[in-house]
Amino acid sequence: MSESEFLRFLKTARSDPGLLARYSSMDLPRVLFHARNDGFAFTEADASRVIGRLEAEVVIDKDKEPFDGGSTLWRHMWGTRYLDYLVEHVVARYDGEGPS
């Protein structure tokens, strides 16, 4: 299990609209189960660590905002499925090779 696997999953979802559509309505336990069947090996803890690092990088490094409830990034979550938000608003703005 690894954080790099979850990052690979997010990047694959970004480049494969069919995969994103298939997963975007799933809750986390279903994502974990089906992702393993699709060749991705990550845990809930891996996902949590990666998401936190990527969001922090977008808010602090890219948007130059404090990492608090007023960040403009959080507005993208409103009315959006969480995986869609992650892929379209977080991963899309991340240009590193892995979480910092």
PDB file of N, CA and C in Angstrom:
ATOM      1  N   MET A   1       0.842  -1.174   0.000  1.00  0.00           N
ATOM      2  CA  MET A   1       0.000   0.000   0.000  1.00  0.00           C
ATOM      3  C   MET A   1       0.888   1.238   0.000  1.00  0.00           C
ATOM      4  N   SER A   2       0.486   2.252  -0.744  1.00  0.00           N
ATOM      5  CA  SER A   2       1.353   3.415  -0.726  1.00  0.00           C
ATOM      6  C   SER A   2       0.648   4.680  -1.174  1.00  0.00           C
ATOM      7  N   GLU A   3       1.187   5.770  -0.694  1.00  0.00           N
ATOM      8  CA  GLU A   3       0.680   7.078  -1.086  1.00  0.00           C
ATOM      9  C   GLU A   3       0.897   7.310  -2.574  1.00  0.00           C
ATOM     10  N   SER A   4       2.001   6.813  -3.116  1.00  0.00           N
ATOM     11  CA  SER A   4       2.266   7.011  -4.545  1.00  0.00           C
ATOM     12  C   SER A   4       1.210   6.306  -5.393  1.00  0.00           C
ATOM     13  N   GLU A   5       0.652   5.215  -4.887  1.00  0.00           N
ATOM     14  CA  GLU A   5      -0.416   4.512  -5.610  1.00  0.00           C
ATOM     15  C   GLU A   5      -1.687   5.349  -5.661  1.00  0.00           C
ATOM     16  N   PHE A   6      -2.008   6.036  -4.570  1.00  0.00           N
ATOM     17  CA  PHE A   6      -3.199   6.885  -4.592  1.00  0.00           C
ATOM     18  C   PHE A   6      -2.985   8.061  -5.535  1.00  0.00           C
ATOM     19  N   LEU A   7      -1.800   8.629  -5.531  1.00  0.00           N
ATOM     20  CA  LEU A   7      -1.501   9.710  -6.457  1.00  0.00           C
ATOM     21  C   LEU A   7      -1.595   9.209  -7.899  1.00  0.00           C
ATOM     22  N   ARG A   8      -1.123   8.009  -8.158  1.00  0.00           N
ATOM     23  CA  ARG A   8      -1.245   7.416  -9.498  1.00  0.00           C
ATOM     24  C   ARG A   8      -2.714   7.240  -9.867  1.00  0.00           C
ATOM     25  N   PHE A   9      -3.534   6.822  -8.915  1.00  0.00           N
ATOM     26  CA  PHE A   9      -4.969   6.683  -9.142  1.00  0.00           C
ATOM     27  C   PHE A   9      -5.589   8.029  -9.528  1.00  0.00           C
ATOM     28  N   LEU A  10      -5.262   9.088  -8.790  1.00  0.00           N
ATOM     29  CA  LEU A  10      -5.812  10.417  -9.089  1.00  0.00           C
ATOM     30  C   LEU A  10      -5.375  10.904 -10.467  1.00  0.00           C
ATOM     31  N   LYS A  11      -4.108  10.711 -10.792  1.00  0.00           N
ATOM     32  CA  LYS A  11      -3.602  11.144 -12.100  1.00  0.00           C
ATOM     33  C   LYS A  11      -4.242  10.339 -13.229  1.00  0.00           C
ATOM     34  N   THR A  12      -4.470   9.058 -12.988  1.00  0.00           N
ATOM     35  CA  THR A  12      -5.137   8.231 -13.989  1.00  0.00           C
ATOM     36  C   THR A  12      -6.575   8.692 -14.172  1.00  0.00           C
ATOM     37  N   ALA A  13      -7.258   8.989 -13.073  1.00  0.00           N
ATOM     38  CA  ALA A  13      -8.632   9.488 -13.155  1.00  0.00           C
ATOM     39  C   ALA A  13      -8.685  10.810 -13.908  1.00  0.00           C
ATOM     40  N   ARG A  14      -7.669  11.619 -13.746  1.00  0.00           N
ATOM     41  CA  ARG A  14      -7.624  12.907 -14.469  1.00  0.00           C
ATOM     42  C   ARG A  14      -7.459  12.696 -15.964  1.00  0.00           C
ATOM     43  N   SER A  15      -6.690  11.704 -16.352  1.00  0.00           N
ATOM     44  CA  SER A  15      -6.431  11.483 -17.780  1.00  0.00           C
ATOM     45  C   SER A  15      -7.427  10.524 -18.433  1.00  0.00           C
ATOM     46  N   ASP A  16      -8.286   9.887 -17.635  1.00  0.00           N
ATOM     47  CA  ASP A  16      -9.239   8.906 -18.155  1.00  0.00           C
ATOM     48  C   ASP A  16     -10.649   9.262 -17.677  1.00  0.00           C
ATOM     49  N   PRO A  17     -11.406  10.029 -18.479  1.00  0.00           N
ATOM     50  CA  PRO A  17     -12.752  10.447 -18.064  1.00  0.00           C
ATOM     51  C   PRO A  17     -13.681   9.273 -17.744  1.00  0.00           C
ATOM     52  N   GLY A  18     -13.503   8.148 -18.409  1.00  0.00           N
ATOM     53  CA  GLY A  18     -14.323   6.979 -18.128  1.00  0.00           C
ATOM     54  C   GLY A  18     -14.078   6.442 -16.732  1.00  0.00           C
ATOM     55  N   LEU A  19     -12.812   6.380 -16.340  1.00  0.00           N
ATOM     56  CA  LEU A  19     -12.475   5.920 -14.996  1.00  0.00           C
ATOM     57  C   LEU A  19     -13.017   6.892 -13.958  1.00  0.00           C
ATOM     58  N   LEU A  20     -12.861   8.180 -14.192  1.00  0.00           N
ATOM     59  CA  LEU A  20     -13.377   9.181 -13.261  1.00  0.00           C
ATOM     60  C   LEU A  20     -14.889   9.052 -13.137  1.00  0.00           C
ATOM     61  N   ALA A  21     -15.587   8.905 -14.232  1.00  0.00           N
ATOM     62  CA  ALA A  21     -17.044   8.771 -14.193  1.00  0.00           C
ATOM     63  C   ALA A  21     -17.466   7.520 -13.433  1.00  0.00           C
ATOM     64  N   ARG A  22     -16.739   6.452 -13.603  1.00  0.00           N
ATOM     65  CA  ARG A  22     -17.062   5.197 -12.929  1.00  0.00           C
ATOM     66  C   ARG A  22     -16.888   5.321 -11.416  1.00  0.00           C
ATOM     67  N   TYR A  23     -15.883   6.046 -10.970  1.00  0.00           N
ATOM     68  CA  TYR A  23     -15.570   6.142  -9.545  1.00  0.00           C
ATOM     69  C   TYR A  23     -16.216   7.331  -8.834  1.00  0.00           C
ATOM     70  N   SER A  24     -16.586   8.366  -9.535  1.00  0.00           N
ATOM     71  CA  SER A  24     -16.961   9.612  -8.864  1.00  0.00           C
ATOM     72  C   SER A  24     -18.189   9.503  -7.975  1.00  0.00           C
ATOM     73  N   SER A  25     -19.079   8.577  -8.226  1.00  0.00           N
ATOM     74  CA  SER A  25     -20.265   8.454  -7.374  1.00  0.00           C
ATOM     75  C   SER A  25     -20.059   7.475  -6.218  1.00  0.00           C
ATOM     76  N   MET A  26     -18.901   6.848  -6.146  1.00  0.00           N
ATOM     77  CA  MET A  26     -18.645   5.851  -5.096  1.00  0.00           C
ATOM     78  C   MET A  26     -18.201   6.510  -3.793  1.00  0.00           C
ATOM     79  N   ASP A  27     -18.568   5.860  -2.677  1.00  0.00           N
ATOM     80  CA  ASP A  27     -18.024   6.276  -1.396  1.00  0.00           C
ATOM     81  C   ASP A  27     -16.636   5.642  -1.246  1.00  0.00           C
ATOM     82  N   LEU A  28     -15.901   6.071  -0.234  1.00  0.00           N
ATOM     83  CA  LEU A  28     -14.513   5.639  -0.098  1.00  0.00           C
ATOM     84  C   LEU A  28     -14.346   4.122   0.024  1.00  0.00           C
ATOM     85  N   PRO A  29     -15.150   3.416   0.818  1.00  0.00           N
ATOM     86  CA  PRO A  29     -14.966   1.960   0.870  1.00  0.00           C
ATOM     87  C   PRO A  29     -15.121   1.286  -0.502  1.00  0.00           C
ATOM     88  N   ARG A  30     -16.057   1.749  -1.289  1.00  0.00           N
ATOM     89  CA  ARG A  30     -16.228   1.181  -2.636  1.00  0.00           C
ATOM     90  C   ARG A  30     -15.063   1.544  -3.537  1.00  0.00           C
ATOM     91  N   VAL A  31     -14.570   2.787  -3.428  1.00  0.00           N
ATOM     92  CA  VAL A  31     -13.400   3.183  -4.214  1.00  0.00           C
ATOM     93  C   VAL A  31     -12.221   2.275  -3.880  1.00  0.00           C
ATOM     94  N   LEU A  32     -11.983   2.067  -2.595  1.00  0.00           N
ATOM     95  CA  LEU A  32     -10.867   1.219  -2.176  1.00  0.00           C
ATOM     96  C   LEU A  32     -11.003  -0.190  -2.736  1.00  0.00           C
ATOM     97  N   PHE A  33     -12.192  -0.760  -2.673  1.00  0.00           N
ATOM     98  CA  PHE A  33     -12.419  -2.116  -3.163  1.00  0.00           C
ATOM     99  C   PHE A  33     -12.205  -2.207  -4.669  1.00  0.00           C
ATOM    100  N   HIS A  34     -12.851  -1.315  -5.418  1.00  0.00           N
ATOM    101  CA  HIS A  34     -12.780  -1.389  -6.879  1.00  0.00           C
ATOM    102  C   HIS A  34     -11.411  -0.968  -7.411  1.00  0.00           C
ATOM    103  N   ALA A  35     -10.774  -0.025  -6.745  1.00  0.00           N
ATOM    104  CA  ALA A  35      -9.440   0.396  -7.196  1.00  0.00           C
ATOM    105  C   ALA A  35      -8.451  -0.758  -7.091  1.00  0.00           C
ATOM    106  N   ARG A  36      -8.571  -1.535  -6.033  1.00  0.00           N
ATOM    107  CA  ARG A  36      -7.687  -2.696  -5.889  1.00  0.00           C
ATOM    108  C   ARG A  36      -7.906  -3.658  -7.058  1.00  0.00           C
ATOM    109  N   ASN A  37      -9.155  -3.845  -7.451  1.00  0.00           N
ATOM    110  CA  ASN A  37      -9.453  -4.716  -8.598  1.00  0.00           C
ATOM    111  C   ASN A  37      -8.932  -4.140  -9.917  1.00  0.00           C
ATOM    112  N   ASP A  38      -8.753  -2.829  -9.957  1.00  0.00           N
ATOM    113  CA  ASP A  38      -8.222  -2.170 -11.157  1.00  0.00           C
ATOM    114  C   ASP A  38      -6.706  -1.992 -11.101  1.00  0.00           C
ATOM    115  N   GLY A  39      -6.061  -2.580 -10.097  1.00  0.00           N
ATOM    116  CA  GLY A  39      -4.607  -2.568 -10.045  1.00  0.00           C
ATOM    117  C   GLY A  39      -3.975  -1.468  -9.225  1.00  0.00           C
ATOM    118  N   PHE A  40      -4.764  -0.757  -8.410  1.00  0.00           N
ATOM    119  CA  PHE A  40      -4.226   0.291  -7.544  1.00  0.00           C
ATOM    120  C   PHE A  40      -4.222  -0.236  -6.113  1.00  0.00           C
ATOM    121  N   ALA A  41      -3.130  -0.060  -5.407  1.00  0.00           N
ATOM    122  CA  ALA A  41      -3.010  -0.578  -4.038  1.00  0.00           C
ATOM    123  C   ALA A  41      -2.768   0.574  -3.070  1.00  0.00           C
ATOM    124  N   PHE A  42      -3.847   1.096  -2.492  1.00  0.00           N
ATOM    125  CA  PHE A  42      -3.720   2.161  -1.496  1.00  0.00           C
ATOM    126  C   PHE A  42      -4.786   1.973  -0.431  1.00  0.00           C
ATOM    127  N   THR A  43      -4.541   2.597   0.706  1.00  0.00           N
ATOM    128  CA  THR A  43      -5.458   2.514   1.837  1.00  0.00           C
ATOM    129  C   THR A  43      -6.134   3.866   2.058  1.00  0.00           C
ATOM    130  N   GLU A  44      -7.096   3.871   2.949  1.00  0.00           N
ATOM    131  CA  GLU A  44      -7.752   5.119   3.324  1.00  0.00           C
ATOM    132  C   GLU A  44      -6.730   6.088   3.917  1.00  0.00           C
ATOM    133  N   ALA A  45      -5.811   5.573   4.723  1.00  0.00           N
ATOM    134  CA  ALA A  45      -4.780   6.428   5.329  1.00  0.00           C
ATOM    135  C   ALA A  45      -3.867   7.026   4.261  1.00  0.00           C
ATOM    136  N   ASP A  46      -3.514   6.228   3.238  1.00  0.00           N
ATOM    137  CA  ASP A  46      -2.702   6.753   2.135  1.00  0.00           C
ATOM    138  C   ASP A  46      -3.430   7.902   1.452  1.00  0.00           C
ATOM    139  N   ALA A  47      -4.712   7.693   1.160  1.00  0.00           N
ATOM    140  CA  ALA A  47      -5.513   8.723   0.482  1.00  0.00           C
ATOM    141  C   ALA A  47      -5.577   9.995   1.322  1.00  0.00           C
ATOM    142  N   SER A  48      -5.801   9.831   2.602  1.00  0.00           N
ATOM    143  CA  SER A  48      -5.914  10.983   3.492  1.00  0.00           C
ATOM    144  C   SER A  48      -4.630  11.803   3.516  1.00  0.00           C
ATOM    145  N   ARG A  49      -3.495  11.131   3.610  1.00  0.00           N
ATOM    146  CA  ARG A  49      -2.210  11.852   3.642  1.00  0.00           C
ATOM    147  C   ARG A  49      -1.949  12.580   2.325  1.00  0.00           C
ATOM    148  N   VAL A  50      -2.232  11.945   1.208  1.00  0.00           N
ATOM    149  CA  VAL A  50      -1.991  12.558  -0.098  1.00  0.00           C
ATOM    150  C   VAL A  50      -2.911  13.753  -0.302  1.00  0.00           C
ATOM    151  N   ILE A  51      -4.190  13.584   0.011  1.00  0.00           N
ATOM    152  CA  ILE A  51      -5.150  14.674  -0.179  1.00  0.00           C
ATOM    153  C   ILE A  51      -4.728  15.893   0.640  1.00  0.00           C
ATOM    154  N   GLY A  52      -4.382  15.678   1.892  1.00  0.00           N
ATOM    155  CA  GLY A  52      -3.968  16.799   2.741  1.00  0.00           C
ATOM    156  C   GLY A  52      -2.757  17.527   2.189  1.00  0.00           C
ATOM    157  N   ARG A  53      -1.782  16.789   1.732  1.00  0.00           N
ATOM    158  CA  ARG A  53      -0.562  17.412   1.193  1.00  0.00           C
ATOM    159  C   ARG A  53      -0.850  18.177  -0.099  1.00  0.00           C
ATOM    160  N   LEU A  54      -1.640  17.577  -0.980  1.00  0.00           N
ATOM    161  CA  LEU A  54      -1.939  18.246  -2.247  1.00  0.00           C
ATOM    162  C   LEU A  54      -2.761  19.503  -2.026  1.00  0.00           C
ATOM    163  N   GLU A  55      -3.783  19.417  -1.160  1.00  0.00           N
ATOM    164  CA  GLU A  55      -4.596  20.601  -0.880  1.00  0.00           C
ATOM    165  C   GLU A  55      -3.747  21.701  -0.252  1.00  0.00           C
ATOM    166  N   ALA A  56      -2.891  21.338   0.682  1.00  0.00           N
ATOM    167  CA  ALA A  56      -2.028  22.336   1.323  1.00  0.00           C
ATOM    168  C   ALA A  56      -1.117  22.991   0.295  1.00  0.00           C
ATOM    169  N   GLU A  57      -0.574  22.206  -0.621  1.00  0.00           N
ATOM    170  CA  GLU A  57       0.296  22.781  -1.637  1.00  0.00           C
ATOM    171  C   GLU A  57      -0.453  23.768  -2.527  1.00  0.00           C
ATOM    172  N   VAL A  58      -1.669  23.421  -2.924  1.00  0.00           N
ATOM    173  CA  VAL A  58      -2.453  24.330  -3.765  1.00  0.00           C
ATOM    174  C   VAL A  58      -2.765  25.612  -3.005  1.00  0.00           C
ATOM    175  N   VAL A  59      -3.257  25.492  -1.776  1.00  0.00           N
ATOM    176  CA  VAL A  59      -3.659  26.670  -1.008  1.00  0.00           C
ATOM    177  C   VAL A  59      -2.452  27.541  -0.652  1.00  0.00           C
ATOM    178  N   ILE A  60      -1.418  26.946  -0.104  1.00  0.00           N
ATOM    179  CA  ILE A  60      -0.281  27.719   0.412  1.00  0.00           C
ATOM    180  C   ILE A  60       0.672  28.150  -0.695  1.00  0.00           C
ATOM    181  N   ASP A  61       1.093  27.203  -1.540  1.00  0.00           N
ATOM    182  CA  ASP A  61       2.117  27.511  -2.534  1.00  0.00           C
ATOM    183  C   ASP A  61       1.568  28.153  -3.802  1.00  0.00           C
ATOM    184  N   LYS A  62       0.433  27.685  -4.271  1.00  0.00           N
ATOM    185  CA  LYS A  62      -0.088  28.195  -5.539  1.00  0.00           C
ATOM    186  C   LYS A  62      -0.985  29.421  -5.342  1.00  0.00           C
ATOM    187  N   ASP A  63      -1.920  29.322  -4.380  1.00  0.00           N
ATOM    188  CA  ASP A  63      -2.847  30.431  -4.161  1.00  0.00           C
ATOM    189  C   ASP A  63      -2.306  31.481  -3.202  1.00  0.00           C
ATOM    190  N   LYS A  64      -1.222  31.153  -2.496  1.00  0.00           N
ATOM    191  CA  LYS A  64      -0.611  32.072  -1.530  1.00  0.00           C
ATOM    192  C   LYS A  64      -1.629  32.551  -0.495  1.00  0.00           C
ATOM    193  N   GLU A  65      -2.422  31.596   0.008  1.00  0.00           N
ATOM    194  CA  GLU A  65      -3.434  31.902   1.006  1.00  0.00           C
ATOM    195  C   GLU A  65      -3.135  31.127   2.278  1.00  0.00           C
ATOM    196  N   PRO A  66      -3.690  31.570   3.401  1.00  0.00           N
ATOM    197  CA  PRO A  66      -3.550  30.785   4.627  1.00  0.00           C
ATOM    198  C   PRO A  66      -4.368  29.495   4.489  1.00  0.00           C
ATOM    199  N   PHE A  67      -3.879  28.440   5.089  1.00  0.00           N
ATOM    200  CA  PHE A  67      -4.568  27.150   5.042  1.00  0.00           C
ATOM    201  C   PHE A  67      -5.631  27.157   6.125  1.00  0.00           C
ATOM    202  N   ASP A  68      -6.762  27.779   5.802  1.00  0.00           N
ATOM    203  CA  ASP A  68      -7.866  27.859   6.761  1.00  0.00           C
ATOM    204  C   ASP A  68      -9.191  27.798   6.009  1.00  0.00           C
ATOM    205  N   GLY A  69     -10.276  28.012   6.704  1.00  0.00           N
ATOM    206  CA  GLY A  69     -11.609  27.886   6.121  1.00  0.00           C
ATOM    207  C   GLY A  69     -11.944  28.913   5.065  1.00  0.00           C
ATOM    208  N   GLY A  70     -11.134  29.949   4.919  1.00  0.00           N
ATOM    209  CA  GLY A  70     -11.409  30.984   3.936  1.00  0.00           C
ATOM    210  C   GLY A  70     -10.762  30.765   2.580  1.00  0.00           C
ATOM    211  N   SER A  71     -10.053  29.688   2.416  1.00  0.00           N
ATOM    212  CA  SER A  71      -9.353  29.432   1.155  1.00  0.00           C
ATOM    213  C   SER A  71     -10.317  29.348  -0.020  1.00  0.00           C
ATOM    214  N   THR A  72      -9.928  29.918  -1.136  1.00  0.00           N
ATOM    215  CA  THR A  72     -10.769  29.852  -2.335  1.00  0.00           C
ATOM    216  C   THR A  72     -10.878  28.433  -2.880  1.00  0.00           C
ATOM    217  N   LEU A  73      -9.896  27.574  -2.599  1.00  0.00           N
ATOM    218  CA  LEU A  73      -9.968  26.197  -3.082  1.00  0.00           C
ATOM    219  C   LEU A  73     -11.206  25.495  -2.551  1.00  0.00           C
ATOM    220  N   TRP A  74     -11.561  25.739  -1.296  1.00  0.00           N
ATOM    221  CA  TRP A  74     -12.686  25.017  -0.692  1.00  0.00           C
ATOM    222  C   TRP A  74     -13.990  25.311  -1.410  1.00  0.00           C
ATOM    223  N   ARG A  75     -14.130  26.463  -2.021  1.00  0.00           N
ATOM    224  CA  ARG A  75     -15.374  26.801  -2.734  1.00  0.00           C
ATOM    225  C   ARG A  75     -15.646  25.850  -3.890  1.00  0.00           C
ATOM    226  N   HIS A  76     -14.593  25.250  -4.424  1.00  0.00           N
ATOM    227  CA  HIS A  76     -14.767  24.315  -5.536  1.00  0.00           C
ATOM    228  C   HIS A  76     -15.437  23.013  -5.094  1.00  0.00           C
ATOM    229  N   MET A  77     -15.445  22.743  -3.808  1.00  0.00           N
ATOM    230  CA  MET A  77     -16.070  21.524  -3.287  1.00  0.00           C
ATOM    231  C   MET A  77     -17.588  21.630  -3.272  1.00  0.00           C
ATOM    232  N   TRP A  78     -18.097  22.831  -3.170  1.00  0.00           N
ATOM    233  CA  TRP A  78     -19.532  23.022  -2.995  1.00  0.00           C
ATOM    234  C   TRP A  78     -20.293  22.471  -4.191  1.00  0.00           C
ATOM    235  N   GLY A  79     -21.195  21.561  -3.934  1.00  0.00           N
ATOM    236  CA  GLY A  79     -22.034  20.994  -4.980  1.00  0.00           C
ATOM    237  C   GLY A  79     -21.318  20.070  -5.943  1.00  0.00           C
ATOM    238  N   THR A  80     -20.134  19.639  -5.594  1.00  0.00           N
ATOM    239  CA  THR A  80     -19.331  18.781  -6.470  1.00  0.00           C
ATOM    240  C   THR A  80     -19.033  17.472  -5.750  1.00  0.00           C
ATOM    241  N   ARG A  81     -19.039  16.384  -6.483  1.00  0.00           N
ATOM    242  CA  ARG A  81     -18.607  15.120  -5.889  1.00  0.00           C
ATOM    243  C   ARG A  81     -17.147  15.249  -5.508  1.00  0.00           C
ATOM    244  N   TYR A  82     -16.784  14.646  -4.389  1.00  0.00           N
ATOM    245  CA  TYR A  82     -15.454  14.858  -3.831  1.00  0.00           C
ATOM    246  C   TYR A  82     -14.334  14.412  -4.773  1.00  0.00           C
ATOM    247  N   LEU A  83     -14.473  13.263  -5.408  1.00  0.00           N
ATOM    248  CA  LEU A  83     -13.422  12.805  -6.323  1.00  0.00           C
ATOM    249  C   LEU A  83     -13.296  13.757  -7.513  1.00  0.00           C
ATOM    250  N   ASP A  84     -14.424  14.265  -8.006  1.00  0.00           N
ATOM    251  CA  ASP A  84     -14.374  15.241  -9.098  1.00  0.00           C
ATOM    252  C   ASP A  84     -13.623  16.497  -8.667  1.00  0.00           C
ATOM    253  N   TYR A  85     -13.910  16.969  -7.462  1.00  0.00           N
ATOM    254  CA  TYR A  85     -13.192  18.128  -6.910  1.00  0.00           C
ATOM    255  C   TYR A  85     -11.690  17.854  -6.847  1.00  0.00           C
ATOM    256  N   LEU A  86     -11.319  16.689  -6.310  1.00  0.00           N
ATOM    257  CA  LEU A  86      -9.901  16.364  -6.189  1.00  0.00           C
ATOM    258  C   LEU A  86      -9.208  16.347  -7.543  1.00  0.00           C
ATOM    259  N   VAL A  87      -9.825  15.716  -8.513  1.00  0.00           N
ATOM    260  CA  VAL A  87      -9.209  15.568  -9.834  1.00  0.00           C
ATOM    261  C   VAL A  87      -9.205  16.889 -10.596  1.00  0.00           C
ATOM    262  N   GLU A  88     -10.330  17.598 -10.581  1.00  0.00           N
ATOM    263  CA  GLU A  88     -10.473  18.798 -11.416  1.00  0.00           C
ATOM    264  C   GLU A  88      -9.904  20.069 -10.791  1.00  0.00           C
ATOM    265  N   HIS A  89      -9.832  20.126  -9.465  1.00  0.00           N
ATOM    266  CA  HIS A  89      -9.407  21.372  -8.830  1.00  0.00           C
ATOM    267  C   HIS A  89      -8.136  21.251  -7.999  1.00  0.00           C
ATOM    268  N   VAL A  90      -7.745  20.048  -7.661  1.00  0.00           N
ATOM    269  CA  VAL A  90      -6.521  19.877  -6.878  1.00  0.00           C
ATOM    270  C   VAL A  90      -5.436  19.264  -7.757  1.00  0.00           C
ATOM    271  N   VAL A  91      -5.660  18.075  -8.256  1.00  0.00           N
ATOM    272  CA  VAL A  91      -4.652  17.412  -9.095  1.00  0.00           C
ATOM    273  C   VAL A  91      -4.372  18.220 -10.354  1.00  0.00           C
ATOM    274  N   ALA A  92      -5.396  18.847 -10.913  1.00  0.00           N
ATOM    275  CA  ALA A  92      -5.204  19.655 -12.123  1.00  0.00           C
ATOM    276  C   ALA A  92      -4.234  20.805 -11.899  1.00  0.00           C
ATOM    277  N   ARG A  93      -4.123  21.280 -10.670  1.00  0.00           N
ATOM    278  CA  ARG A  93      -3.226  22.399 -10.371  1.00  0.00           C
ATOM    279  C   ARG A  93      -1.904  21.959  -9.783  1.00  0.00           C
ATOM    280  N   TYR A  94      -1.748  20.692  -9.557  1.00  0.00           N
ATOM    281  CA  TYR A  94      -0.525  20.162  -8.951  1.00  0.00           C
ATOM    282  C   TYR A  94       0.443  19.802 -10.050  1.00  0.00           C
ATOM    283  N   ASP A  95       1.665  20.288  -9.972  1.00  0.00           N
ATOM    284  CA  ASP A  95       2.609  19.997 -11.059  1.00  0.00           C
ATOM    285  C   ASP A  95       3.837  19.240 -10.588  1.00  0.00           C
ATOM    286  N   GLY A  96       3.823  18.765  -9.363  1.00  0.00           N
ATOM    287  CA  GLY A  96       4.978  18.020  -8.838  1.00  0.00           C
ATOM    288  C   GLY A  96       4.926  16.563  -9.214  1.00  0.00           C
ATOM    289  N   GLU A  97       5.961  15.845  -8.847  1.00  0.00           N
ATOM    290  CA  GLU A  97       6.033  14.420  -9.121  1.00  0.00           C
ATOM    291  C   GLU A  97       5.412  13.592  -8.010  1.00  0.00           C
ATOM    292  N   GLY A  98       5.144  14.203  -6.896  1.00  0.00           N
ATOM    293  CA  GLY A  98       4.554  13.492  -5.774  1.00  0.00           C
ATOM    294  C   GLY A  98       4.230  14.460  -4.671  1.00  0.00           C
ATOM    295  N   PRO A  99       3.510  14.010  -3.661  1.00  0.00           N
ATOM    296  CA  PRO A  99       3.187  14.926  -2.579  1.00  0.00           C
ATOM    297  C   PRO A  99       4.442  15.395  -1.858  1.00  0.00           C
ATOM    298  N   SER A 100       4.434  16.652  -1.442  1.00  0.00           N
ATOM    299  CA  SER A 100       5.612  17.179  -0.757  1.00  0.00           C
ATOM    300  C   SER A 100       5.657  16.766   0.677  1.00  0.00           C
TER     301      SER A 100
END
